[in-house]
C-alpha atoms as a PDB file:
ATOM      1  CA  MET A   1      10.584   4.091  36.964  1.00  0.00           C
ATOM      2  CA  GLU A   2      10.636   0.878  34.987  1.00  0.00           C
ATOM      3  CA  THR A   3      10.437   1.283  31.253  1.00  0.00           C
ATOM      4  CA  LEU A   4       7.953  -0.996  29.566  1.00  0.00           C
ATOM      5  CA  ASN A   5       9.263  -3.260  26.862  1.00  0.00           C
ATOM      6  CA  PHE A   6       7.498  -3.431  23.503  1.00  0.00           C
ATOM      7  CA  PHE A   7       5.346  -6.442  24.434  1.00  0.00           C
ATOM      8  CA  ASP A   8       4.190  -4.722  27.646  1.00  0.00           C
ATOM      9  CA  LYS A   9       3.249  -1.622  25.641  1.00  0.00           C
ATOM     10  CA  VAL A  10       1.279  -3.822  23.230  1.00  0.00           C
ATOM     11  CA  TYR A  11      -0.567  -5.405  26.172  1.00  0.00           C
ATOM     12  CA  GLU A  12      -1.390  -1.973  27.604  1.00  0.00           C
ATOM     13  CA  VAL A  13      -2.962  -0.924  24.281  1.00  0.00           C
ATOM     14  CA  ALA A  14      -4.806  -4.234  23.840  1.00  0.00           C
ATOM     15  CA  LYS A  15      -6.343  -3.869  27.309  1.00  0.00           C
ATOM     16  CA  GLN A  16      -7.971  -0.629  26.105  1.00  0.00           C
ATOM     17  CA  ILE A  17      -9.896  -2.305  23.252  1.00  0.00           C
ATOM     18  CA  PRO A  18     -13.563  -1.912  24.166  1.00  0.00           C
ATOM     19  CA  TYR A  19     -15.885  -4.886  24.569  1.00  0.00           C
ATOM     20  CA  GLY A  20     -17.479  -5.658  21.198  1.00  0.00           C
ATOM     21  CA  LYS A  21     -14.676  -4.002  19.195  1.00  0.00           C
ATOM     22  CA  VAL A  22     -11.544  -5.244  17.441  1.00  0.00           C
ATOM     23  CA  THR A  23      -8.327  -3.700  16.218  1.00  0.00           C
ATOM     24  CA  SER A  24      -5.467  -4.879  14.044  1.00  0.00           C
ATOM     25  CA  TYR A  25      -1.858  -5.783  14.720  1.00  0.00           C
ATOM     26  CA  GLY A  26      -0.830  -2.934  12.438  1.00  0.00           C
ATOM     27  CA  ALA A  27      -3.030  -0.350  14.186  1.00  0.00           C
ATOM     28  CA  ILE A  28      -1.406  -1.187  17.519  1.00  0.00           C
ATOM     29  CA  ALA A  29       2.090  -1.081  15.976  1.00  0.00           C
ATOM     30  CA  LYS A  30       1.352   2.275  14.330  1.00  0.00           C
ATOM     31  CA  TYR A  31       0.002   3.700  17.588  1.00  0.00           C
ATOM     32  CA  LEU A  32       3.212   2.651  19.354  1.00  0.00           C
ATOM     33  CA  GLY A  33       5.304   4.420  16.724  1.00  0.00           C
ATOM     34  CA  ALA A  34       6.519   1.177  15.185  1.00  0.00           C
ATOM     35  CA  SER A  35       4.317   0.979  12.107  1.00  0.00           C
ATOM     36  CA  ARG A  36       6.439  -1.742  10.508  1.00  0.00           C
ATOM     37  CA  SER A  37       6.177  -3.993  13.552  1.00  0.00           C
ATOM     38  CA  ALA A  38       2.738  -5.570  13.092  1.00  0.00           C
ATOM     39  CA  ARG A  39       4.325  -9.024  13.197  1.00  0.00           C
ATOM     40  CA  MET A  40       5.941  -8.199  16.561  1.00  0.00           C
ATOM     41  CA  VAL A  41       2.492  -7.239  17.862  1.00  0.00           C
ATOM     42  CA  GLY A  42       1.358 -10.689  16.731  1.00  0.00           C
ATOM     43  CA  TYR A  43       4.209 -12.299  18.649  1.00  0.00           C
ATOM     44  CA  ALA A  44       3.194 -10.275  21.703  1.00  0.00           C
ATOM     45  CA  MET A  45      -0.380 -11.516  21.394  1.00  0.00           C
ATOM     46  CA  ASN A  46       0.879 -15.106  21.153  1.00  0.00           C
ATOM     47  CA  GLY A  47       2.703 -14.566  24.436  1.00  0.00           C
ATOM     48  CA  SER A  48      -0.202 -12.912  26.222  1.00  0.00           C
ATOM     49  CA  VAL A  49      -1.671 -16.085  27.726  1.00  0.00           C
ATOM     50  CA  GLY A  50      -2.400 -15.570  31.404  1.00  0.00           C
ATOM     51  CA  LYS A  51      -1.816 -11.807  31.222  1.00  0.00           C
ATOM     52  CA  ASP A  52      -5.489 -10.759  31.172  1.00  0.00           C
ATOM     53  CA  VAL A  53      -5.100  -9.360  27.655  1.00  0.00           C
ATOM     54  CA  PRO A  54      -8.111  -9.598  25.287  1.00  0.00           C
ATOM     55  CA  ALA A  55      -5.969 -11.016  22.462  1.00  0.00           C
ATOM     56  CA  HIS A  56      -9.086 -12.312  20.706  1.00  0.00           C
ATOM     57  CA  ARG A  57      -9.896  -8.695  19.809  1.00  0.00           C
ATOM     58  CA  VAL A  58      -6.711  -8.303  17.721  1.00  0.00           C
ATOM     59  CA  VAL A  59      -6.979  -9.471  14.108  1.00  0.00           C
ATOM     60  CA  ASN A  60      -5.209  -8.779  10.847  1.00  0.00           C
ATOM     61  CA  ARG A  61      -5.833  -5.657   8.758  1.00  0.00           C
ATOM     62  CA  LYS A  62      -8.517  -7.404   6.706  1.00  0.00           C
ATOM     63  CA  GLY A  63     -10.427  -8.655   9.740  1.00  0.00           C
ATOM     64  CA  LEU A  64      -9.199 -12.240   9.487  1.00  0.00           C
ATOM     65  CA  LEU A  65      -8.734 -14.324  12.636  1.00  0.00           C
ATOM     66  CA  THR A  66      -5.113 -15.097  11.812  1.00  0.00           C
ATOM     67  CA  GLY A  67      -4.171 -15.750  15.450  1.00  0.00           C
ATOM     68  CA  LYS A  68      -6.915 -18.274  16.119  1.00  0.00           C
ATOM     69  CA  HIS A  69      -4.593 -21.282  16.245  1.00  0.00           C
ATOM     70  CA  HIS A  70      -2.994 -19.803  19.385  1.00  0.00           C
ATOM     71  CA  PHE A  71      -6.220 -20.232  21.349  1.00  0.00           C
ATOM     72  CA  ASP A  72      -7.173 -23.438  23.116  1.00  0.00           C
ATOM     73  CA  GLY A  73      -9.932 -25.142  21.179  1.00  0.00           C
ATOM     74  CA  THR A  74     -10.506 -24.789  17.478  1.00  0.00           C
ATOM     75  CA  ASN A  75     -13.073 -21.999  17.538  1.00  0.00           C
ATOM     76  CA  LEU A  76     -12.347 -20.274  20.852  1.00  0.00           C
ATOM     77  CA  MET A  77     -11.284 -16.965  19.296  1.00  0.00           C
ATOM     78  CA  GLN A  78     -14.439 -16.881  17.167  1.00  0.00           C
ATOM     79  CA  GLN A  79     -16.628 -17.870  20.129  1.00  0.00           C
ATOM     80  CA  LEU A  80     -15.144 -15.106  22.291  1.00  0.00           C
ATOM     81  CA  LEU A  81     -15.783 -12.527  19.564  1.00  0.00           C
ATOM     82  CA  GLU A  82     -19.314 -13.778  18.919  1.00  0.00           C
ATOM     83  CA  SER A  83     -20.066 -13.657  22.647  1.00  0.00           C
ATOM     84  CA  GLU A  84     -19.342  -9.906  22.374  1.00  0.00           C
ATOM     85  CA  GLY A  85     -21.754  -9.539  19.453  1.00  0.00           C
ATOM     86  CA  ILE A  86     -19.150  -9.577  16.669  1.00  0.00           C
ATOM     87  CA  GLU A  87     -20.225 -11.606  13.666  1.00  0.00           C
ATOM     88  CA  VAL A  88     -17.605 -13.949  12.226  1.00  0.00           C
ATOM     89  CA  LYS A  89     -18.034 -15.960   9.039  1.00  0.00           C
ATOM     90  CA  ASP A  90     -15.295 -18.160   7.545  1.00  0.00           C
ATOM     91  CA  ASN A  91     -12.703 -16.690   9.951  1.00  0.00           C
ATOM     92  CA  GLN A  92     -13.590 -13.202   8.699  1.00  0.00           C
ATOM     93  CA  ILE A  93     -15.120 -10.471  10.854  1.00  0.00           C
ATOM     94  CA  GLN A  94     -18.264  -9.149   9.236  1.00  0.00           C
ATOM     95  CA  ASN A  95     -18.865  -5.375   9.145  1.00  0.00           C
ATOM     96  CA  PHE A  96     -15.191  -4.959  10.039  1.00  0.00           C
ATOM     97  CA  GLU A  97     -15.227  -1.157   9.636  1.00  0.00           C
ATOM     98  CA  LYS A  98     -18.158  -0.908  12.049  1.00  0.00           C
ATOM     99  CA  VAL A  99     -16.471  -2.842  14.866  1.00  0.00           C
ATOM    100  CA  PHE A 100     -12.924  -1.578  14.218  1.00  0.00           C
ATOM    101  CA  TRP A 101     -11.295   0.382  17.050  1.00  0.00           C
ATOM    102  CA  ASP A 102      -8.356   2.641  16.178  1.00  0.00           C
ATOM    103  CA  PRO A 103      -6.107   3.199  19.218  1.00  0.00           C
ATOM    104  CA  SER A 104      -4.648   6.396  17.749  1.00  0.00           C
ATOM    105  CA  LYS A 105      -8.127   7.956  17.721  1.00  0.00           C
ATOM    106  CA  ALA A 106      -9.207   6.598  21.070  1.00  0.00           C
ATOM    107  CA  ILE A 107      -6.406   6.719  23.625  1.00  0.00           C
END
């Protein structure tokens, strides 16, 4: 059986994020047992283009759209989130606690 590398594991978790919810790089890293690897999760998200991974649902621990410059178009990440009913103002998710999804409590 093929062992998944770290990026593949990140993608598997990200694919579980429900529509209309977001999680953080750190929450995914913590769930994977690599709590100090939030930046690596970010790198994984940057490399997720074409992998059917909802990378727009992964933000920083304060709810900021820090990865938005990796999306085509200036506001694509925000538009994708808003299309799922998530309110974004000044690159900041509003009611972050309400829309936050914690993989360690869900999977």
